[in-house]
Full PDB file with SEQRES, HELIX, SHEET, SSBOND, CRYST1, ORIGX, SCALE, CONECT and MASTER records, all heavy atoms in Angstrom:
SEQRES   1 A   30  GLY LEU ALA ILE ASP ARG ASN HIS LYS ARG PRO VAL VAL          
SEQRES   2 A   30  MET ALA SER THR GLU GLY GLY VAL GLU ILE GLU LYS VAL          
SEQRES   3 A   30  ALA GLU GLU THR                                              
HELIX    1 AA1 ILE A   23  GLU A   29  1                                   7    
SHEET    1 AA1 2 LEU A   2  ASP A   5  0                                        
SHEET    2 AA1 2 ARG A  10  VAL A  13 -1                                        
CRYST1    1.000    1.000    1.000  90.00  90.00  90.00 P 1           1          
ORIGX1      1.000000  0.000000  0.000000        0.00000                         
ORIGX2      0.000000  1.000000  0.000000        0.00000                         
ORIGX3      0.000000  0.000000  1.000000        0.00000                         
SCALE1      1.000000  0.000000  0.000000        0.00000                         
SCALE2      0.000000  1.000000  0.000000        0.00000                         
SCALE3      0.000000  0.000000  1.000000        0.00000                         
ATOM      1  N   GLY A   1       0.826  -1.205   0.000  1.00  0.00           N  
ATOM      2  CA  GLY A   1       0.000   0.000   0.000  1.00  0.00           C  
ATOM      3  C   GLY A   1       0.854   1.247   0.000  1.00  0.00           C  
ATOM      4  O   GLY A   1       2.019   1.238   0.405  1.00  0.00           O  
ATOM      5  N   LEU A   2       0.266   2.338  -0.480  1.00  0.00           N  
ATOM      6  CA  LEU A   2       0.906   3.654  -0.460  1.00  0.00           C  
ATOM      7  C   LEU A   2      -0.135   4.672  -0.014  1.00  0.00           C  
ATOM      8  O   LEU A   2      -1.241   4.706  -0.551  1.00  0.00           O  
ATOM      9  CB  LEU A   2       1.419   4.019  -1.856  1.00  0.00           C  
ATOM     10  CG  LEU A   2       2.922   3.968  -2.096  1.00  0.00           C  
ATOM     11  CD1 LEU A   2       3.208   4.179  -3.571  1.00  0.00           C  
ATOM     12  CD2 LEU A   2       3.649   5.027  -1.285  1.00  0.00           C  
ATOM     13  N   ALA A   3       0.214   5.477   0.955  1.00  0.00           N  
ATOM     14  CA  ALA A   3      -0.696   6.507   1.435  1.00  0.00           C  
ATOM     15  C   ALA A   3       0.110   7.709   1.885  1.00  0.00           C  
ATOM     16  O   ALA A   3       1.316   7.611   2.122  1.00  0.00           O  
ATOM     17  CB  ALA A   3      -1.562   5.974   2.582  1.00  0.00           C  
ATOM     18  N   ILE A   4      -0.560   8.850   2.006  1.00  0.00           N  
ATOM     19  CA  ILE A   4       0.094  10.063   2.495  1.00  0.00           C  
ATOM     20  C   ILE A   4       0.098  10.021   4.021  1.00  0.00           C  
ATOM     21  O   ILE A   4      -0.956   9.947   4.650  1.00  0.00           O  
ATOM     22  CB  ILE A   4      -0.633  11.326   2.015  1.00  0.00           C  
ATOM     23  CG1 ILE A   4      -0.767  11.327   0.484  1.00  0.00           C  
ATOM     24  CG2 ILE A   4       0.114  12.572   2.492  1.00  0.00           C  
ATOM     25  CD1 ILE A   4       0.549  11.303  -0.256  1.00  0.00           C  
ATOM     26  N   ASP A   5       1.287  10.050   4.604  1.00  0.00           N  
ATOM     27  CA  ASP A   5       1.433  10.040   6.061  1.00  0.00           C  
ATOM     28  C   ASP A   5       1.651  11.484   6.528  1.00  0.00           C  
ATOM     29  O   ASP A   5       2.664  12.104   6.212  1.00  0.00           O  
ATOM     30  CB  ASP A   5       2.633   9.164   6.453  1.00  0.00           C  
ATOM     31  CG  ASP A   5       2.738   8.966   7.953  1.00  0.00           C  
ATOM     32  OD1 ASP A   5       2.650   9.966   8.689  1.00  0.00           O  
ATOM     33  OD2 ASP A   5       2.929   7.812   8.388  1.00  0.00           O  
ATOM     34  N   ARG A   6       0.689  12.010   7.270  1.00  0.00           N  
ATOM     35  CA  ARG A   6       0.762  13.417   7.679  1.00  0.00           C  
ATOM     36  C   ARG A   6       1.874  13.647   8.712  1.00  0.00           C  
ATOM     37  O   ARG A   6       2.397  14.751   8.818  1.00  0.00           O  
ATOM     38  CB  ARG A   6      -0.589  13.869   8.230  1.00  0.00           C  
ATOM     39  CG  ARG A   6      -1.676  13.845   7.180  1.00  0.00           C  
ATOM     40  CD  ARG A   6      -2.970  14.469   7.674  1.00  0.00           C  
ATOM     41  NE  ARG A   6      -4.020  14.370   6.674  1.00  0.00           N  
ATOM     42  CZ  ARG A   6      -4.162  15.214   5.661  1.00  0.00           C  
ATOM     43  NH1 ARG A   6      -3.323  16.220   5.519  1.00  0.00           N  
ATOM     44  NH2 ARG A   6      -5.143  15.061   4.796  1.00  0.00           N  
ATOM     45  N   ASN A   7       2.216  12.624   9.470  1.00  0.00           N  
ATOM     46  CA  ASN A   7       3.307  12.774  10.432  1.00  0.00           C  
ATOM     47  C   ASN A   7       4.649  12.910   9.721  1.00  0.00           C  
ATOM     48  O   ASN A   7       5.492  13.736  10.085  1.00  0.00           O  
ATOM     49  CB  ASN A   7       3.336  11.586  11.390  1.00  0.00           C  
ATOM     50  CG  ASN A   7       2.156  11.583  12.346  1.00  0.00           C  
ATOM     51  OD1 ASN A   7       1.673  12.643  12.733  1.00  0.00           O  
ATOM     52  ND2 ASN A   7       1.679  10.410  12.718  1.00  0.00           N  
ATOM     53  N   HIS A   8       4.852  12.089   8.693  1.00  0.00           N  
ATOM     54  CA  HIS A   8       6.098  12.149   7.927  1.00  0.00           C  
ATOM     55  C   HIS A   8       6.061  13.244   6.856  1.00  0.00           C  
ATOM     56  O   HIS A   8       7.092  13.576   6.269  1.00  0.00           O  
ATOM     57  CB  HIS A   8       6.377  10.805   7.249  1.00  0.00           C  
ATOM     58  CG  HIS A   8       6.821   9.726   8.183  1.00  0.00           C  
ATOM     59  ND1 HIS A   8       5.929   8.889   8.825  1.00  0.00           N  
ATOM     60  CD2 HIS A   8       8.047   9.350   8.595  1.00  0.00           C  
ATOM     61  CE1 HIS A   8       6.599   8.035   9.581  1.00  0.00           C  
ATOM     62  NE2 HIS A   8       7.880   8.291   9.470  1.00  0.00           N  
ATOM     63  N   LYS A   9       4.849  13.733   6.543  1.00  0.00           N  
ATOM     64  CA  LYS A   9       4.660  14.753   5.503  1.00  0.00           C  
ATOM     65  C   LYS A   9       5.156  14.268   4.142  1.00  0.00           C  
ATOM     66  O   LYS A   9       5.750  15.031   3.368  1.00  0.00           O  
ATOM     67  CB  LYS A   9       5.360  16.063   5.894  1.00  0.00           C  
ATOM     68  CG  LYS A   9       4.819  16.693   7.163  1.00  0.00           C  
ATOM     69  CD  LYS A   9       5.523  18.005   7.481  1.00  0.00           C  
ATOM     70  CE  LYS A   9       4.925  18.678   8.702  1.00  0.00           C  
ATOM     71  NZ  LYS A   9       5.057  17.895   9.931  1.00  0.00           N  
ATOM     72  N   ARG A  10       4.870  13.018   3.867  1.00  0.00           N  
ATOM     73  CA  ARG A  10       5.279  12.424   2.597  1.00  0.00           C  
ATOM     74  C   ARG A  10       4.562  11.086   2.420  1.00  0.00           C  
ATOM     75  O   ARG A  10       3.979  10.565   3.379  1.00  0.00           O  
ATOM     76  CB  ARG A  10       6.795  12.223   2.568  1.00  0.00           C  
ATOM     77  CG  ARG A  10       7.324  11.240   3.616  1.00  0.00           C  
ATOM     78  CD  ARG A  10       8.843  11.224   3.645  1.00  0.00           C  
ATOM     79  NE  ARG A  10       9.364  12.519   4.052  1.00  0.00           N  
ATOM     80  CZ  ARG A  10      10.639  12.872   3.896  1.00  0.00           C  
ATOM     81  NH1 ARG A  10      11.495  12.042   3.336  1.00  0.00           N  
ATOM     82  NH2 ARG A  10      11.060  14.061   4.303  1.00  0.00           N  
ATOM     83  N   PRO A  11       4.602  10.503   1.217  1.00  0.00           N  
ATOM     84  CA  PRO A  11       4.016   9.172   1.043  1.00  0.00           C  
ATOM     85  C   PRO A  11       4.825   8.129   1.822  1.00  0.00           C  
ATOM     86  O   PRO A  11       6.037   8.275   2.003  1.00  0.00           O  
ATOM     87  CB  PRO A  11       4.127   8.927  -0.463  1.00  0.00           C  
ATOM     88  CG  PRO A  11       4.361  10.263  -1.073  1.00  0.00           C  
ATOM     89  CD  PRO A  11       5.101  11.059  -0.049  1.00  0.00           C  
ATOM     90  N   VAL A  12       4.139   7.109   2.267  1.00  0.00           N  
ATOM     91  CA  VAL A  12       4.790   6.010   2.970  1.00  0.00           C  
ATOM     92  C   VAL A  12       4.346   4.693   2.355  1.00  0.00           C  
ATOM     93  O   VAL A  12       3.149   4.441   2.190  1.00  0.00           O  
ATOM     94  CB  VAL A  12       4.454   6.030   4.476  1.00  0.00           C  
ATOM     95  CG1 VAL A  12       4.966   4.765   5.162  1.00  0.00           C  
ATOM     96  CG2 VAL A  12       5.062   7.257   5.145  1.00  0.00           C  
ATOM     97  N   VAL A  13       5.330   3.870   1.980  1.00  0.00           N  
ATOM     98  CA  VAL A  13       5.040   2.524   1.488  1.00  0.00           C  
ATOM     99  C   VAL A  13       4.759   1.624   2.686  1.00  0.00           C  
ATOM    100  O   VAL A  13       5.488   1.649   3.677  1.00  0.00           O  
ATOM    101  CB  VAL A  13       6.232   1.955   0.690  1.00  0.00           C  
ATOM    102  CG1 VAL A  13       5.940   0.525   0.238  1.00  0.00           C  
ATOM    103  CG2 VAL A  13       6.540   2.842  -0.504  1.00  0.00           C  
ATOM    104  N   MET A  14       3.694   0.846   2.587  1.00  0.00           N  
ATOM    105  CA  MET A  14       3.376  -0.147   3.611  1.00  0.00           C  
ATOM    106  C   MET A  14       3.353  -1.507   2.946  1.00  0.00           C  
ATOM    107  O   MET A  14       2.660  -1.696   1.937  1.00  0.00           O  
ATOM    108  CB  MET A  14       2.017   0.158   4.255  1.00  0.00           C  
ATOM    109  CG  MET A  14       1.963   1.490   4.979  1.00  0.00           C  
ATOM    110  SD  MET A  14       0.269   1.965   5.428  1.00  0.00           S  
ATOM    111  CE  MET A  14      -0.396   2.358   3.793  1.00  0.00           C  
ATOM    112  N   ALA A  15       4.102  -2.436   3.474  1.00  0.00           N  
ATOM    113  CA  ALA A  15       4.187  -3.766   2.886  1.00  0.00           C  
ATOM    114  C   ALA A  15       4.090  -4.817   3.979  1.00  0.00           C  
ATOM    115  O   ALA A  15       4.522  -4.589   5.115  1.00  0.00           O  
ATOM    116  CB  ALA A  15       5.490  -3.931   2.105  1.00  0.00           C  
ATOM    117  N   SER A  16       3.503  -5.953   3.631  1.00  0.00           N  
ATOM    118  CA  SER A  16       3.332  -7.016   4.613  1.00  0.00           C  
ATOM    119  C   SER A  16       3.316  -8.371   3.924  1.00  0.00           C  
ATOM    120  O   SER A  16       2.873  -8.499   2.773  1.00  0.00           O  
ATOM    121  CB  SER A  16       2.037  -6.819   5.403  1.00  0.00           C  
ATOM    122  OG  SER A  16       1.799  -7.898   6.278  1.00  0.00           O  
ATOM    123  N   THR A  17       3.792  -9.379   4.640  1.00  0.00           N  
ATOM    124  CA  THR A  17       3.717 -10.755   4.143  1.00  0.00           C  
ATOM    125  C   THR A  17       2.301 -11.302   4.267  1.00  0.00           C  
ATOM    126  O   THR A  17       2.000 -12.358   3.717  1.00  0.00           O  
ATOM    127  CB  THR A  17       4.668 -11.666   4.939  1.00  0.00           C  
ATOM    128  OG1 THR A  17       4.361 -11.545   6.338  1.00  0.00           O  
ATOM    129  CG2 THR A  17       6.116 -11.281   4.703  1.00  0.00           C  
ATOM    130  N   GLU A  18       1.432 -10.574   4.981  1.00  0.00           N  
ATOM    131  CA  GLU A  18       0.056 -11.036   5.214  1.00  0.00           C  
ATOM    132  C   GLU A  18      -0.878 -10.467   4.152  1.00  0.00           C  
ATOM    133  O   GLU A  18      -1.724  -9.630   4.424  1.00  0.00           O  
ATOM    134  CB  GLU A  18      -0.409 -10.625   6.611  1.00  0.00           C  
ATOM    135  CG  GLU A  18       0.502 -11.089   7.728  1.00  0.00           C  
ATOM    136  CD  GLU A  18       0.646 -12.603   7.755  1.00  0.00           C  
ATOM    137  OE1 GLU A  18      -0.379 -13.292   7.928  1.00  0.00           O  
ATOM    138  OE2 GLU A  18       1.783 -13.086   7.599  1.00  0.00           O  
ATOM    139  N   GLY A  19      -0.728 -10.912   2.919  1.00  0.00           N  
ATOM    140  CA  GLY A  19      -1.590 -10.450   1.849  1.00  0.00           C  
ATOM    141  C   GLY A  19      -2.862 -11.264   1.751  1.00  0.00           C  
ATOM    142  O   GLY A  19      -2.954 -12.375   2.276  1.00  0.00           O  
ATOM    143  N   GLY A  20      -3.871 -10.697   1.070  1.00  0.00           N  
ATOM    144  CA  GLY A  20      -5.112 -11.422   0.861  1.00  0.00           C  
ATOM    145  C   GLY A  20      -6.081 -11.368   2.022  1.00  0.00           C  
ATOM    146  O   GLY A  20      -7.152 -11.967   1.968  1.00  0.00           O  
ATOM    147  N   VAL A  21      -5.704 -10.658   3.094  1.00  0.00           N  
ATOM    148  CA  VAL A  21      -6.602 -10.517   4.241  1.00  0.00           C  
ATOM    149  C   VAL A  21      -6.779  -9.028   4.530  1.00  0.00           C  
ATOM    150  O   VAL A  21      -6.120  -8.177   3.945  1.00  0.00           O  
ATOM    151  CB  VAL A  21      -6.052 -11.235   5.497  1.00  0.00           C  
ATOM    152  CG1 VAL A  21      -5.924 -12.724   5.250  1.00  0.00           C  
ATOM    153  CG2 VAL A  21      -4.694 -10.667   5.900  1.00  0.00           C  
ATOM    154  N   GLU A  22      -7.684  -8.708   5.457  1.00  0.00           N  
ATOM    155  CA  GLU A  22      -7.938  -7.319   5.790  1.00  0.00           C  
ATOM    156  C   GLU A  22      -6.713  -6.732   6.503  1.00  0.00           C  
ATOM    157  O   GLU A  22      -6.348  -7.187   7.591  1.00  0.00           O  
ATOM    158  CB  GLU A  22      -9.170  -7.212   6.683  1.00  0.00           C  
ATOM    159  CG  GLU A  22     -10.442  -7.709   6.001  1.00  0.00           C  
ATOM    160  CD  GLU A  22     -11.582  -7.872   6.985  1.00  0.00           C  
ATOM    161  OE1 GLU A  22     -11.568  -7.180   8.021  1.00  0.00           O  
ATOM    162  OE2 GLU A  22     -12.483  -8.683   6.715  1.00  0.00           O  
ATOM    163  N   ILE A  23      -6.088  -5.739   5.889  1.00  0.00           N  
ATOM    164  CA  ILE A  23      -4.865  -5.170   6.445  1.00  0.00           C  
ATOM    165  C   ILE A  23      -5.138  -4.481   7.779  1.00  0.00           C  
ATOM    166  O   ILE A  23      -4.261  -4.400   8.650  1.00  0.00           O  
ATOM    167  CB  ILE A  23      -4.211  -4.191   5.442  1.00  0.00           C  
ATOM    168  CG1 ILE A  23      -2.766  -3.868   5.851  1.00  0.00           C  
ATOM    169  CG2 ILE A  23      -5.051  -2.948   5.286  1.00  0.00           C  
ATOM    170  CD1 ILE A  23      -1.841  -5.058   5.861  1.00  0.00           C  
ATOM    171  N   GLU A  24      -6.386  -3.991   7.974  1.00  0.00           N  
ATOM    172  CA  GLU A  24      -6.733  -3.374   9.253  1.00  0.00           C  
ATOM    173  C   GLU A  24      -6.603  -4.382  10.394  1.00  0.00           C  
ATOM    174  O   GLU A  24      -6.174  -4.037  11.498  1.00  0.00           O  
ATOM    175  CB  GLU A  24      -8.157  -2.809   9.212  1.00  0.00           C  
ATOM    176  CG  GLU A  24      -8.360  -1.691   8.205  1.00  0.00           C  
ATOM    177  CD  GLU A  24      -8.680  -2.186   6.809  1.00  0.00           C  
ATOM    178  OE1 GLU A  24      -8.707  -3.428   6.590  1.00  0.00           O  
ATOM    179  OE2 GLU A  24      -8.898  -1.346   5.929  1.00  0.00           O  
ATOM    180  N   LYS A  25      -6.978  -5.611  10.106  1.00  0.00           N  
ATOM    181  CA  LYS A  25      -6.884  -6.663  11.114  1.00  0.00           C  
ATOM    182  C   LYS A  25      -5.430  -6.982  11.429  1.00  0.00           C  
ATOM    183  O   LYS A  25      -5.057  -7.205  12.585  1.00  0.00           O  
ATOM    184  CB  LYS A  25      -7.610  -7.921  10.617  1.00  0.00           C  
ATOM    185  CG  LYS A  25      -7.702  -9.043  11.637  1.00  0.00           C  
ATOM    186  CD  LYS A  25      -8.517 -10.201  11.082  1.00  0.00           C  
ATOM    187  CE  LYS A  25      -8.622 -11.326  12.110  1.00  0.00           C  
ATOM    188  NZ  LYS A  25      -9.411 -12.470  11.584  1.00  0.00           N  
ATOM    189  N   VAL A  26      -4.596  -7.011  10.393  1.00  0.00           N  
ATOM    190  CA  VAL A  26      -3.168  -7.249  10.589  1.00  0.00           C  
ATOM    191  C   VAL A  26      -2.567  -6.127  11.432  1.00  0.00           C  
ATOM    192  O   VAL A  26      -1.797  -6.369  12.368  1.00  0.00           O  
ATOM    193  CB  VAL A  26      -2.430  -7.339   9.234  1.00  0.00           C  
ATOM    194  CG1 VAL A  26      -0.932  -7.529   9.450  1.00  0.00           C  
ATOM    195  CG2 VAL A  26      -2.984  -8.489   8.406  1.00  0.00           C  
ATOM    196  N   ALA A  27      -2.915  -4.880  11.100  1.00  0.00           N  
ATOM    197  CA  ALA A  27      -2.378  -3.729  11.828  1.00  0.00           C  
ATOM    198  C   ALA A  27      -2.771  -3.761  13.300  1.00  0.00           C  
ATOM    199  O   ALA A  27      -2.011  -3.348  14.176  1.00  0.00           O  
ATOM    200  CB  ALA A  27      -2.870  -2.436  11.184  1.00  0.00           C  
ATOM    201  N   GLU A  28      -3.964  -4.266  13.580  1.00  0.00           N  
ATOM    202  CA  GLU A  28      -4.453  -4.304  14.954  1.00  0.00           C  
ATOM    203  C   GLU A  28      -3.849  -5.457  15.749  1.00  0.00           C  
ATOM    204  O   GLU A  28      -3.465  -5.288  16.914  1.00  0.00           O  
ATOM    205  CB  GLU A  28      -5.977  -4.429  14.950  1.00  0.00           C  
ATOM    206  CG  GLU A  28      -6.600  -4.444  16.339  1.00  0.00           C  
ATOM    207  CD  GLU A  28      -8.107  -4.548  16.313  1.00  0.00           C  
ATOM    208  OE1 GLU A  28      -8.698  -4.501  15.213  1.00  0.00           O  
ATOM    209  OE2 GLU A  28      -8.711  -4.688  17.391  1.00  0.00           O  
ATOM    210  N   GLU A  29      -3.764  -6.628  15.112  1.00  0.00           N  
ATOM    211  CA  GLU A  29      -3.369  -7.834  15.846  1.00  0.00           C  
ATOM    212  C   GLU A  29      -1.872  -8.129  15.763  1.00  0.00           C  
ATOM    213  O   GLU A  29      -1.277  -8.604  16.735  1.00  0.00           O  
ATOM    214  CB  GLU A  29      -4.171  -9.030  15.334  1.00  0.00           C  
ATOM    215  CG  GLU A  29      -5.680  -8.883  15.562  1.00  0.00           C  
ATOM    216  CD  GLU A  29      -6.469 -10.059  15.011  1.00  0.00           C  
ATOM    217  OE1 GLU A  29      -5.840 -10.984  14.440  1.00  0.00           O  
ATOM    218  OE2 GLU A  29      -7.708 -10.060  15.158  1.00  0.00           O  
ATOM    219  N   THR A  30      -1.263  -7.888  14.605  1.00  0.00           N  
ATOM    220  CA  THR A  30       0.170  -8.179  14.429  1.00  0.00           C  
ATOM    221  C   THR A  30       0.854  -7.028  13.684  1.00  0.00           C  
ATOM    222  O   THR A  30       1.319  -7.207  12.547  1.00  0.00           O  
ATOM    223  CB  THR A  30       0.371  -9.504  13.657  1.00  0.00           C  
ATOM    224  OG1 THR A  30      -0.386  -9.439  12.424  1.00  0.00           O  
ATOM    225  CG2 THR A  30      -0.081 -10.695  14.479  1.00  0.00           C  
TER     226      THR A  30                                                      
MASTER        0    0    0    1    2    0    0    6  225    1    0    3          
END                                                                             
């Protein structure tokens, strides 16, 4: 994923080995 991170004031790449599932769940649990 790529999104604008207001804290960094720039785009931030987000990558995970946990593809195919809800990334919100990954962010919360692991």
